[in-house]
């Protein structure tokens, strides 16, 4: 989000000379002291007007809220209430998404287990009935599937951790607690150790 700073009395309205209001800061006056008066006024006007304020977050800076309150009494409270409502809405959506993801993972585990048990049972029954090749294929399919799913989940965790580490290294503004959480998470995932021969 972008916002403008509060009105600065040192910036003259269009067509008004600097003599009528505050003079420019001393640093600018020192730089411009050798410039002829007409050019000095033009340069000073442009230097004084090239000011921007940027902010990010759910609320604008206090001076902007104060400006809204001056123009429309009660608007500061409305702005704060709007930010509170937005935060509450976002948190409720995040809670729903997390609950849904947990339910999907549980259902995936249950259905995967039922499928694996079904294949294993069919494989044992086929071997018992004398169809060894078909039975062994039915027994091997769930075992290969389980191993493949485990390897895939480990690779996905490693990619996510690498992405988080990269994001942390690019954004030095992260707090120490966020960095510590990331470091603890990376220690929790086992790393592939080289095999000894």
C-alpha atoms as a PDB file:
ATOM      1  CA  UNK A   1       0.000   0.000   0.000  1.00  0.00           C
ATOM      2  CA  UNK A   2       1.157   3.508  -0.669  1.00  0.00           C
ATOM      3  CA  UNK A   3       0.251   6.685   1.121  1.00  0.00           C
ATOM      4  CA  UNK A   4       1.225  10.304   1.096  1.00  0.00           C
ATOM      5  CA  UNK A   5       2.760  12.129   4.035  1.00  0.00           C
ATOM      6  CA  UNK A   6       0.726  14.774   5.834  1.00  0.00           C
ATOM      7  CA  UNK A   7       0.535  18.143   4.153  1.00  0.00           C
ATOM      8  CA  UNK A   8       3.885  19.869   4.519  1.00  0.00           C
ATOM      9  CA  UNK A   9       3.678  23.603   5.139  1.00  0.00           C
ATOM     10  CA  UNK A  10       7.093  24.017   3.489  1.00  0.00           C
ATOM     11  CA  UNK A  11       5.659  23.034   0.091  1.00  0.00           C
ATOM     12  CA  UNK A  12       3.922  26.026  -1.483  1.00  0.00           C
ATOM     13  CA  UNK A  13       0.648  25.596  -3.331  1.00  0.00           C
ATOM     14  CA  UNK A  14       0.881  26.030  -7.069  1.00  0.00           C
ATOM     15  CA  UNK A  15       1.626  29.642  -7.908  1.00  0.00           C
ATOM     16  CA  UNK A  16       2.562  30.660  -4.352  1.00  0.00           C
ATOM     17  CA  UNK A  17       6.140  31.778  -3.659  1.00  0.00           C
ATOM     18  CA  UNK A  18       8.335  30.334  -0.929  1.00  0.00           C
ATOM     19  CA  UNK A  19       8.536  33.799   0.620  1.00  0.00           C
ATOM     20  CA  UNK A  20       4.960  33.426   1.856  1.00  0.00           C
ATOM     21  CA  UNK A  21       5.635  30.203   3.796  1.00  0.00           C
ATOM     22  CA  UNK A  22       8.488  28.369   5.506  1.00  0.00           C
ATOM     23  CA  UNK A  23      11.804  28.531   3.718  1.00  0.00           C
ATOM     24  CA  UNK A  24      13.466  25.323   2.446  1.00  0.00           C
ATOM     25  CA  UNK A  25      15.777  23.409   4.790  1.00  0.00           C
ATOM     26  CA  UNK A  26      19.289  24.822   5.349  1.00  0.00           C
ATOM     27  CA  UNK A  27      20.952  21.974   3.392  1.00  0.00           C
ATOM     28  CA  UNK A  28      18.968  22.845   0.277  1.00  0.00           C
ATOM     29  CA  UNK A  29      19.609  26.578   0.770  1.00  0.00           C
ATOM     30  CA  UNK A  30      23.393  25.936   0.927  1.00  0.00           C
ATOM     31  CA  UNK A  31      23.320  23.903  -2.262  1.00  0.00           C
ATOM     32  CA  UNK A  32      21.192  26.445  -4.127  1.00  0.00           C
ATOM     33  CA  UNK A  33      22.850  29.667  -2.859  1.00  0.00           C
ATOM     34  CA  UNK A  34      24.755  30.235  -6.136  1.00  0.00           C
ATOM     35  CA  UNK A  35      21.714  29.563  -8.364  1.00  0.00           C
ATOM     36  CA  UNK A  36      19.878  32.689  -9.683  1.00  0.00           C
ATOM     37  CA  UNK A  37      16.590  33.454  -7.885  1.00  0.00           C
ATOM     38  CA  UNK A  38      14.071  32.393 -10.612  1.00  0.00           C
ATOM     39  CA  UNK A  39      15.776  29.002 -11.151  1.00  0.00           C
ATOM     40  CA  UNK A  40      16.215  28.580  -7.387  1.00  0.00           C
ATOM     41  CA  UNK A  41      12.458  28.902  -6.849  1.00  0.00           C
ATOM     42  CA  UNK A  42      11.705  26.330  -9.560  1.00  0.00           C
ATOM     43  CA  UNK A  43      14.341  23.883  -8.285  1.00  0.00           C
ATOM     44  CA  UNK A  44      13.246  24.335  -4.679  1.00  0.00           C
ATOM     45  CA  UNK A  45       9.622  23.723  -5.607  1.00  0.00           C
ATOM     46  CA  UNK A  46      10.530  20.482  -7.409  1.00  0.00           C
ATOM     47  CA  UNK A  47      12.887  19.313  -4.660  1.00  0.00           C
ATOM     48  CA  UNK A  48      10.277  19.950  -2.002  1.00  0.00           C
ATOM     49  CA  UNK A  49       7.532  18.167  -3.911  1.00  0.00           C
ATOM     50  CA  UNK A  50       9.432  14.940  -4.656  1.00  0.00           C
ATOM     51  CA  UNK A  51       8.560  13.221  -1.409  1.00  0.00           C
ATOM     52  CA  UNK A  52       6.890   9.840  -1.116  1.00  0.00           C
ATOM     53  CA  UNK A  53       6.005   7.681   1.828  1.00  0.00           C
ATOM     54  CA  UNK A  54       5.480   3.962   1.423  1.00  0.00           C
ATOM     55  CA  UNK A  55       4.025   1.621   3.972  1.00  0.00           C
ATOM     56  CA  UNK A  56       2.780  -1.906   4.054  1.00  0.00           C
ATOM     57  CA  UNK A  57       0.529  -3.739   6.418  1.00  0.00           C
ATOM     58  CA  UNK A  58      -3.109  -3.758   7.375  1.00  0.00           C
ATOM     59  CA  UNK A  59      -3.090  -0.200   8.736  1.00  0.00           C
ATOM     60  CA  UNK A  60      -1.764   3.057   7.323  1.00  0.00           C
ATOM     61  CA  UNK A  61       0.677   5.076   9.437  1.00  0.00           C
ATOM     62  CA  UNK A  62      -0.814   7.139  12.270  1.00  0.00           C
ATOM     63  CA  UNK A  63      -0.447  10.473  10.459  1.00  0.00           C
ATOM     64  CA  UNK A  64      -2.662   9.207   7.624  1.00  0.00           C
ATOM     65  CA  UNK A  65      -5.283   7.918  10.069  1.00  0.00           C
ATOM     66  CA  UNK A  66      -5.101  11.271  11.849  1.00  0.00           C
ATOM     67  CA  UNK A  67      -5.716  13.020   8.529  1.00  0.00           C
ATOM     68  CA  UNK A  68      -8.796  10.881   7.854  1.00  0.00           C
ATOM     69  CA  UNK A  69     -10.045  11.624  11.375  1.00  0.00           C
ATOM     70  CA  UNK A  70      -9.649  15.377  10.791  1.00  0.00           C
ATOM     71  CA  UNK A  71     -11.567  15.227   7.512  1.00  0.00           C
ATOM     72  CA  UNK A  72     -14.256  12.794   8.697  1.00  0.00           C
ATOM     73  CA  UNK A  73     -14.609  12.417  12.476  1.00  0.00           C
ATOM     74  CA  UNK A  74     -15.000   8.757  13.480  1.00  0.00           C
ATOM     75  CA  UNK A  75     -13.179   7.466  10.406  1.00  0.00           C
ATOM     76  CA  UNK A  76     -10.117   6.364  12.434  1.00  0.00           C
ATOM     77  CA  UNK A  77     -12.308   3.965  14.398  1.00  0.00           C
ATOM     78  CA  UNK A  78     -13.873   2.701  11.175  1.00  0.00           C
ATOM     79  CA  UNK A  79     -10.407   2.099   9.655  1.00  0.00           C
ATOM     80  CA  UNK A  80      -9.264   0.172  12.739  1.00  0.00           C
ATOM     81  CA  UNK A  81     -12.499  -1.860  12.790  1.00  0.00           C
ATOM     82  CA  UNK A  82     -12.065  -2.664   9.088  1.00  0.00           C
ATOM     83  CA  UNK A  83      -8.501  -3.918   9.721  1.00  0.00           C
ATOM     84  CA  UNK A  84      -9.704  -6.012  12.681  1.00  0.00           C
ATOM     85  CA  UNK A  85     -12.523  -7.536  10.603  1.00  0.00           C
ATOM     86  CA  UNK A  86     -10.102  -8.340   7.765  1.00  0.00           C
ATOM     87  CA  UNK A  87      -7.650 -10.010  10.161  1.00  0.00           C
ATOM     88  CA  UNK A  88     -10.463 -12.033  11.743  1.00  0.00           C
ATOM     89  CA  UNK A  89     -11.743 -13.095   8.307  1.00  0.00           C
ATOM     90  CA  UNK A  90      -8.253 -14.120   7.137  1.00  0.00           C
ATOM     91  CA  UNK A  91      -7.632 -16.099  10.322  1.00  0.00           C
ATOM     92  CA  UNK A  92     -10.957 -17.937   9.994  1.00  0.00           C
ATOM     93  CA  UNK A  93     -10.132 -18.823   6.365  1.00  0.00           C
ATOM     94  CA  UNK A  94      -6.676 -20.074   7.394  1.00  0.00           C
ATOM     95  CA  UNK A  95      -8.266 -22.217  10.113  1.00  0.00           C
ATOM     96  CA  UNK A  96     -10.696 -23.719   7.594  1.00  0.00           C
ATOM     97  CA  UNK A  97      -7.913 -24.427   5.087  1.00  0.00           C
ATOM     98  CA  UNK A  98      -5.730 -26.074   7.729  1.00  0.00           C
ATOM     99  CA  UNK A  99      -8.639 -28.200   9.005  1.00  0.00           C
ATOM    100  CA  UNK A 100      -9.491 -29.212   5.445  1.00  0.00           C
ATOM    101  CA  UNK A 101      -5.863 -30.152   4.702  1.00  0.00           C
ATOM    102  CA  UNK A 102      -5.663 -32.260   7.867  1.00  0.00           C
ATOM    103  CA  UNK A 103      -8.916 -34.038   6.971  1.00  0.00           C
ATOM    104  CA  UNK A 104      -7.671 -34.678   3.409  1.00  0.00           C
ATOM    105  CA  UNK A 105      -4.408 -36.137   4.722  1.00  0.00           C
ATOM    106  CA  UNK A 106      -6.255 -38.410   7.171  1.00  0.00           C
ATOM    107  CA  UNK A 107      -8.639 -39.594   4.464  1.00  0.00           C
ATOM    108  CA  UNK A 108      -5.719 -40.198   2.122  1.00  0.00           C
ATOM    109  CA  UNK A 109      -3.972 -42.308   4.762  1.00  0.00           C
ATOM    110  CA  UNK A 110      -7.139 -44.295   5.503  1.00  0.00           C
ATOM    111  CA  UNK A 111      -7.934 -44.989   1.842  1.00  0.00           C
ATOM    112  CA  UNK A 112      -4.285 -45.771   1.107  1.00  0.00           C
ATOM    113  CA  UNK A 113      -4.230 -48.237   4.008  1.00  0.00           C
ATOM    114  CA  UNK A 114      -7.469 -49.876   2.839  1.00  0.00           C
ATOM    115  CA  UNK A 115      -6.116 -50.169  -0.694  1.00  0.00           C
ATOM    116  CA  UNK A 116      -2.824 -51.638   0.522  1.00  0.00           C
ATOM    117  CA  UNK A 117      -4.620 -54.129   2.772  1.00  0.00           C
ATOM    118  CA  UNK A 118      -6.877 -55.090  -0.143  1.00  0.00           C
ATOM    119  CA  UNK A 119      -3.899 -55.716  -2.449  1.00  0.00           C
ATOM    120  CA  UNK A 120      -2.043 -57.654   0.236  1.00  0.00           C
ATOM    121  CA  UNK A 121      -5.099 -59.804   0.973  1.00  0.00           C
ATOM    122  CA  UNK A 122      -5.661 -60.451  -2.737  1.00  0.00           C
ATOM    123  CA  UNK A 123      -1.971 -61.307  -3.157  1.00  0.00           C
ATOM    124  CA  UNK A 124      -2.005 -63.806  -0.268  1.00  0.00           C
ATOM    125  CA  UNK A 125      -5.192 -65.383  -1.581  1.00  0.00           C
ATOM    126  CA  UNK A 126      -3.741 -65.678  -5.092  1.00  0.00           C
ATOM    127  CA  UNK A 127      -0.536 -67.248  -3.762  1.00  0.00           C
ATOM    128  CA  UNK A 128      -2.621 -69.587  -1.588  1.00  0.00           C
ATOM    129  CA  UNK A 129      -4.653 -70.573  -4.684  1.00  0.00           C
ATOM    130  CA  UNK A 130      -1.485 -71.494  -6.579  1.00  0.00           C
ATOM    131  CA  UNK A 131      -1.154 -68.397  -8.768  1.00  0.00           C
ATOM    132  CA  UNK A 132       2.236 -67.387  -7.439  1.00  0.00           C
ATOM    133  CA  UNK A 133       3.255 -64.856 -10.119  1.00  0.00           C
ATOM    134  CA  UNK A 134      -0.025 -62.953 -10.010  1.00  0.00           C
ATOM    135  CA  UNK A 135      -0.073 -63.150  -6.205  1.00  0.00           C
ATOM    136  CA  UNK A 136       3.494 -61.830  -5.891  1.00  0.00           C
ATOM    137  CA  UNK A 137       2.690 -58.941  -8.239  1.00  0.00           C
ATOM    138  CA  UNK A 138      -0.375 -58.130  -6.103  1.00  0.00           C
ATOM    139  CA  UNK A 139       1.820 -58.290  -2.973  1.00  0.00           C
ATOM    140  CA  UNK A 140       4.587 -56.131  -4.471  1.00  0.00           C
ATOM    141  CA  UNK A 141       2.339 -53.341  -5.784  1.00  0.00           C
ATOM    142  CA  UNK A 142       1.344 -51.908  -2.378  1.00  0.00           C
ATOM    143  CA  UNK A 143       4.873 -52.296  -1.001  1.00  0.00           C
ATOM    144  CA  UNK A 144       6.346 -50.382  -3.965  1.00  0.00           C
ATOM    145  CA  UNK A 145       3.575 -47.776  -3.639  1.00  0.00           C
ATOM    146  CA  UNK A 146       4.269 -47.248   0.078  1.00  0.00           C
ATOM    147  CA  UNK A 147       8.011 -46.915  -0.495  1.00  0.00           C
ATOM    148  CA  UNK A 148       7.424 -44.505  -3.401  1.00  0.00           C
ATOM    149  CA  UNK A 149       5.065 -42.358  -1.329  1.00  0.00           C
ATOM    150  CA  UNK A 150       7.593 -42.195   1.520  1.00  0.00           C
ATOM    151  CA  UNK A 151      10.438 -41.171  -0.797  1.00  0.00           C
ATOM    152  CA  UNK A 152       8.210 -38.561  -2.475  1.00  0.00           C
ATOM    153  CA  UNK A 153       7.176 -37.061   0.875  1.00  0.00           C
ATOM    154  CA  UNK A 154      10.821 -36.821   2.000  1.00  0.00           C
ATOM    155  CA  UNK A 155      11.812 -35.090  -1.234  1.00  0.00           C
ATOM    156  CA  UNK A 156       8.885 -32.672  -0.907  1.00  0.00           C
ATOM    157  CA  UNK A 157       9.934 -31.806   2.667  1.00  0.00           C
ATOM    158  CA  UNK A 158      13.504 -31.184   1.535  1.00  0.00           C
ATOM    159  CA  UNK A 159      12.297 -28.877  -1.282  1.00  0.00           C
ATOM    160  CA  UNK A 160      10.042 -26.939   1.108  1.00  0.00           C
ATOM    161  CA  UNK A 161      12.865 -26.518   3.613  1.00  0.00           C
ATOM    162  CA  UNK A 162      15.249 -25.364   0.881  1.00  0.00           C
ATOM    163  CA  UNK A 163      12.661 -22.822  -0.316  1.00  0.00           C
ATOM    164  CA  UNK A 164      12.179 -21.529   3.243  1.00  0.00           C
ATOM    165  CA  UNK A 165      15.934 -21.240   3.782  1.00  0.00           C
ATOM    166  CA  UNK A 166      16.278 -19.346   0.500  1.00  0.00           C
ATOM    167  CA  UNK A 167      13.427 -17.004   1.437  1.00  0.00           C
ATOM    168  CA  UNK A 168      15.046 -16.358   4.818  1.00  0.00           C
ATOM    169  CA  UNK A 169      18.408 -15.620   3.235  1.00  0.00           C
ATOM    170  CA  UNK A 170      16.808 -13.166   0.775  1.00  0.00           C
ATOM    171  CA  UNK A 171      14.727 -11.387   3.451  1.00  0.00           C
ATOM    172  CA  UNK A 172      16.994 -10.152   6.238  1.00  0.00           C
ATOM    173  CA  UNK A 173      13.977  -8.502   7.903  1.00  0.00           C
ATOM    174  CA  UNK A 174      12.827 -11.791   9.411  1.00  0.00           C
ATOM    175  CA  UNK A 175      12.866 -11.914  13.166  1.00  0.00           C
ATOM    176  CA  UNK A 176      15.254 -14.062  15.177  1.00  0.00           C
ATOM    177  CA  UNK A 177      12.380 -16.274  16.327  1.00  0.00           C
ATOM    178  CA  UNK A 178      11.393 -17.013  12.713  1.00  0.00           C
ATOM    179  CA  UNK A 179      15.018 -17.861  11.893  1.00  0.00           C
ATOM    180  CA  UNK A 180      15.231 -20.096  14.966  1.00  0.00           C
ATOM    181  CA  UNK A 181      12.029 -21.884  13.968  1.00  0.00           C
ATOM    182  CA  UNK A 182      13.432 -22.517  10.502  1.00  0.00           C
ATOM    183  CA  UNK A 183      16.705 -23.808  11.955  1.00  0.00           C
ATOM    184  CA  UNK A 184      14.841 -26.158  14.313  1.00  0.00           C
ATOM    185  CA  UNK A 185      12.676 -27.402  11.441  1.00  0.00           C
ATOM    186  CA  UNK A 186      15.747 -28.163   9.332  1.00  0.00           C
ATOM    187  CA  UNK A 187      17.284 -30.152  12.197  1.00  0.00           C
ATOM    188  CA  UNK A 188      14.083 -32.182  12.580  1.00  0.00           C
ATOM    189  CA  UNK A 189      14.287 -33.591   9.040  1.00  0.00           C
ATOM    190  CA  UNK A 190      16.815 -36.403   8.777  1.00  0.00           C
ATOM    191  CA  UNK A 191      19.530 -35.796   6.230  1.00  0.00           C
ATOM    192  CA  UNK A 192      20.868 -38.496   3.981  1.00  0.00           C
ATOM    193  CA  UNK A 193      24.135 -39.684   5.439  1.00  0.00           C
ATOM    194  CA  UNK A 194      26.771 -41.183   3.166  1.00  0.00           C
ATOM    195  CA  UNK A 195      27.123 -44.939   3.438  1.00  0.00           C
ATOM    196  CA  UNK A 196      30.372 -46.306   4.789  1.00  0.00           C
ATOM    197  CA  UNK A 197      32.054 -49.035   2.820  1.00  0.00           C
END
